[in-house]
Structures are given as C-alpha cells and as structure tokens.
Protein backbone atom coordinates (compact mmCIF):
# COMPACT_ATOMS: atom_id res chain seq x y z
CA MET A 1 144.19 62.14 140.91
CA PRO A 2 141.46 60.66 138.50
CA SER A 3 143.12 60.47 134.45
CA GLU A 4 141.40 62.06 131.77
CA SER A 5 139.86 58.79 129.94
CA GLN A 6 137.55 58.32 133.16
CA PRO A 7 135.34 59.99 134.83
CA PRO A 8 136.29 60.06 138.66
CA GLY A 9 132.64 58.78 139.45
CA ASN A 10 133.48 55.36 137.76
CA ARG A 11 136.84 54.44 138.99
CA PRO A 12 136.68 52.35 142.42
CA PRO A 13 138.88 53.97 145.09
CA SER A 14 141.81 52.67 144.78
CA GLY A 15 143.29 49.60 147.07
CA SER A 16 140.03 48.30 146.14
CA HIS A 17 141.57 45.44 144.22
CA ALA A 18 142.94 43.65 146.43
CA GLY A 19 141.12 40.38 146.15
CA SER A 20 141.97 40.47 142.37
CA ASP A 21 145.78 41.24 143.04
CA LEU A 22 145.92 38.17 145.16
CA VAL A 23 144.42 35.58 142.92
CA LEU A 24 145.88 37.18 139.78
CA ALA A 25 149.68 36.61 141.93
CA ILE A 26 148.34 33.31 143.17
CA LEU A 27 147.46 32.09 139.16
CA LEU A 28 150.29 33.89 138.26
CA ALA A 29 152.88 31.99 140.54
CA ALA A 30 151.26 28.81 140.07
CA ALA A 31 151.44 29.12 135.71
CA TRP A 32 155.04 29.92 136.56
CA LEU A 33 155.72 27.25 138.77
CA LEU A 34 153.83 24.87 136.75
CA TRP A 35 155.69 25.84 133.66
CA SER A 36 159.17 26.44 134.80
CA GLY A 37 159.30 22.95 136.91
CA PHE A 38 162.42 23.59 139.08
CA LEU A 39 162.47 25.11 142.26
CA LYS A 40 165.92 26.36 142.66
CA PRO A 41 166.02 30.00 143.86
CA VAL A 42 166.94 32.14 140.79
CA ILE A 43 163.84 30.76 138.86
CA LEU A 44 161.58 31.53 142.31
CA MET A 45 163.23 34.79 142.41
CA PHE A 46 162.45 35.50 138.60
CA GLY A 47 159.37 34.01 138.80
CA ALA A 48 158.11 36.63 141.68
CA LEU A 49 160.01 39.08 139.90
CA SER A 50 157.52 38.82 136.85
CA VAL A 51 154.49 38.12 138.79
CA ALA A 52 155.59 41.79 140.15
CA LEU A 53 155.57 43.71 136.93
CA VAL A 54 152.55 42.08 135.56
CA LEU A 55 151.09 43.15 138.76
CA ILE A 56 152.28 46.78 138.39
CA THR A 57 151.70 46.63 134.80
CA ALA A 58 147.79 45.38 135.60
CA HIS A 59 147.89 48.35 138.02
CA ARG A 60 149.23 50.85 135.53
CA MET A 61 146.46 49.42 132.75
CA HIS A 62 143.55 50.23 135.35
CA PHE A 63 143.33 46.25 134.63
CA PHE A 64 140.87 46.13 137.35
CA ASP A 65 138.56 49.49 137.10
CA THR A 66 136.49 48.10 134.25
CA ASP A 67 133.75 44.94 133.81
CA PHE A 68 135.57 44.14 130.67
CA PHE A 69 136.90 41.15 132.47
CA ALA A 70 134.38 40.55 135.10
CA LEU A 71 133.27 36.95 134.07
CA ARG A 72 133.15 35.64 137.45
CA LEU A 73 133.97 32.35 139.05
CA THR A 74 130.75 30.62 139.01
CA SER A 75 129.57 26.89 138.91
CA ARG A 76 127.76 28.26 135.30
CA LEU A 77 131.45 28.70 134.60
CA VAL A 78 133.01 25.25 136.16
CA ARG A 79 130.52 22.83 134.19
CA PHE A 80 131.61 25.11 130.53
CA TRP A 81 135.10 24.07 131.49
CA LEU A 82 133.68 20.11 132.42
CA TRP A 83 131.54 20.53 129.22
CA LEU A 84 134.16 22.14 127.09
CA GLY A 85 136.93 19.63 128.45
CA ARG A 86 134.50 16.51 127.42
CA GLU A 87 133.94 17.96 124.31
CA ILE A 88 137.47 18.36 123.58
CA VAL A 89 138.11 14.68 124.24
CA ARG A 90 135.50 14.26 121.92
CA SER A 91 136.61 16.01 118.81
CA SER A 92 140.47 14.30 119.49
CA LEU A 93 138.76 11.03 119.28
CA ASP A 94 136.57 11.73 116.22
CA VAL A 95 139.61 13.73 114.50
CA THR A 96 141.87 10.56 115.71
CA ARG A 97 139.19 8.13 113.97
CA VAL A 98 138.91 9.81 110.81
CA VAL A 99 142.90 10.48 110.61
CA LEU A 100 143.75 6.58 111.03
CA HIS A 101 140.75 5.54 108.67
CA PRO A 102 141.98 3.81 105.72
CA ARG A 103 140.36 5.93 103.16
CA LEU A 104 141.14 9.30 104.98
CA PRO A 105 137.15 10.79 104.86
CA ILE A 106 138.11 14.08 105.20
CA LYS A 107 135.77 16.88 103.97
CA PRO A 108 137.10 20.22 105.21
CA THR A 109 134.15 22.07 105.33
CA VAL A 110 133.84 26.11 106.25
CA VAL A 111 130.75 27.15 107.90
CA GLU A 112 129.70 30.45 108.54
CA PHE A 113 127.10 31.31 111.55
CA ASP A 114 125.75 34.32 113.19
CA ALA A 115 126.42 33.63 116.90
CA HIS A 116 124.22 35.04 120.04
CA CYS A 117 126.94 36.32 121.90
CA GLU A 118 127.08 40.16 122.99
CA HIS A 119 129.61 41.09 124.92
CA PRO A 120 133.49 41.00 123.05
CA VAL A 121 134.85 38.74 125.79
CA ASP A 122 132.26 36.05 124.96
CA GLN A 123 132.99 35.93 121.41
CA THR A 124 136.93 35.60 122.20
CA ILE A 125 135.67 32.64 124.40
CA LEU A 126 133.79 31.32 121.87
CA GLY A 127 136.48 31.59 119.21
CA ASN A 128 138.55 30.05 121.47
CA SER A 129 136.80 27.64 122.32
CA ILE A 130 135.86 26.47 118.66
CA THR A 131 139.82 26.19 117.83
CA LEU A 132 140.78 24.59 120.88
CA THR A 133 137.97 21.80 119.94
CA PRO A 134 140.10 20.02 117.57
CA GLY A 135 139.05 19.71 113.92
CA THR A 136 137.65 23.17 113.83
CA LEU A 137 139.47 26.58 113.63
CA THR A 138 137.84 30.33 114.35
CA LEU A 139 138.86 31.74 110.74
CA SER A 140 137.04 35.32 111.88
CA ILE A 141 135.17 37.16 113.77
CA ASP A 142 133.25 39.66 112.35
CA ASP A 143 130.69 41.56 114.45
CA LYS A 144 128.70 38.22 115.45
CA ARG A 145 129.85 36.55 112.11
CA PHE A 146 131.96 33.85 112.93
CA THR A 147 133.42 31.90 110.21
CA VAL A 148 135.20 28.54 110.83
CA HIS A 149 136.98 25.96 109.23
CA ALA A 150 135.93 22.00 109.90
CA LEU A 151 137.96 18.99 109.21
CA THR A 152 134.73 17.38 108.57
CA GLU A 153 130.83 17.91 107.34
CA GLU A 154 130.01 16.56 111.05
CA GLY A 155 132.19 18.87 112.72
CA ALA A 156 131.15 21.41 110.78
CA ARG A 157 127.34 20.82 111.29
CA ASP A 158 128.05 20.52 115.34
CA ILE A 159 129.36 24.04 115.29
CA ALA A 160 126.49 26.11 113.01
CA GLY A 161 124.36 23.51 115.26
CA GLY A 162 125.09 26.56 118.07
CA GLU A 163 125.67 24.32 121.12
CA MET A 164 128.97 26.07 121.81
CA ASP A 165 127.14 29.26 121.08
CA ARG A 166 124.71 28.74 123.49
CA ARG A 167 126.71 27.59 126.62
CA VAL A 168 129.05 30.86 125.82
CA SER A 169 126.05 32.69 125.91
CA GLY A 170 124.66 31.52 129.00
CA LEU A 171 127.97 32.20 131.13
CA ARG A 172 126.86 36.04 131.85
CA LYS A 173 123.61 35.53 132.38
CA SER A 174 122.63 36.50 136.26
C-alpha cells in the first residue's frame, strides 16, 4: 500500500533498488572495515549489523524513491573529485606557507557570492567543498547566497572567482 505522502504513480515498484542497496552496502562495509581496522569476528558482526540497520532505515525513509540523491558516478564526478583533491593539496601548501611565514601574513576575509547551483545537493557539495579546502570555511548558505570566511584575501578571491561553483554546477549537466 503506497504511503499518503506520495501518489502511487510516483514511486518505483518495490524491489527495484537492488543495485542501489548493493552499492550502499558495499560502501558502508568498506567504510566500516577501513575505519575500524579490526578483522575480529565480533567486530565484523557489529559491522554487518550496522550495515543491515542502515539499509533497513534507508528503505523505511524511502531513501531510494527520490532523485534527491541521484548524483550519478560519472566521469565528470570523478574529474571533480580529482580537481578538488588537487585544490585541497594546493590550499594546504598555501596555508602552511602563510602560517610558517615569519610575518604571518594572514588577512582574514569574509566574502559573499551568489552561486549558480540550483539543486540543494549541489549547494551542499559546494559548501562542503569550500569547507574541505584548507583556509576557507562556509559560514552560511541562504538560498543561493554563500558567505565564506577565508584566511587570506587571495583565498577569498579564489572562492569569489567562481571556479569551484562552476565545476559543481556542471556535475548535473547531461
């Protein structure tokens, strides 16, 4: 029986999420193994139980019945991750250089800009990507208006320049 919050025609048939379930189970199990670091039977049992509980909860929340999380693993997404990794390393080196400089040339700056990201997931990815980049922190997101703190004026200019926004906006293009 369909839930009252969603008309019957908008929900895919039950059981059509086997691929999504498998991918989520593999990702959760891999994360559990990576972060626990133990291969003892009791730990593995707790990991399997945790994965099962997350999958059950995801189904009860109709996690896979919406396109809200439908950002597909495409070559564009992989290229974004590689670019973001490079930006994180570059920013780490810049922050290290600034902090270790004898005169400590830090000029904290708050910058606001309007993002081109329409989808809430894209806005979240942009905000998190800014925060992951050393020396910058997303302070707020109000509609499409981002407020970002940067350790230096150069970092603020880079964020306001829009390269990261452009790359995140391009993730959903077909």
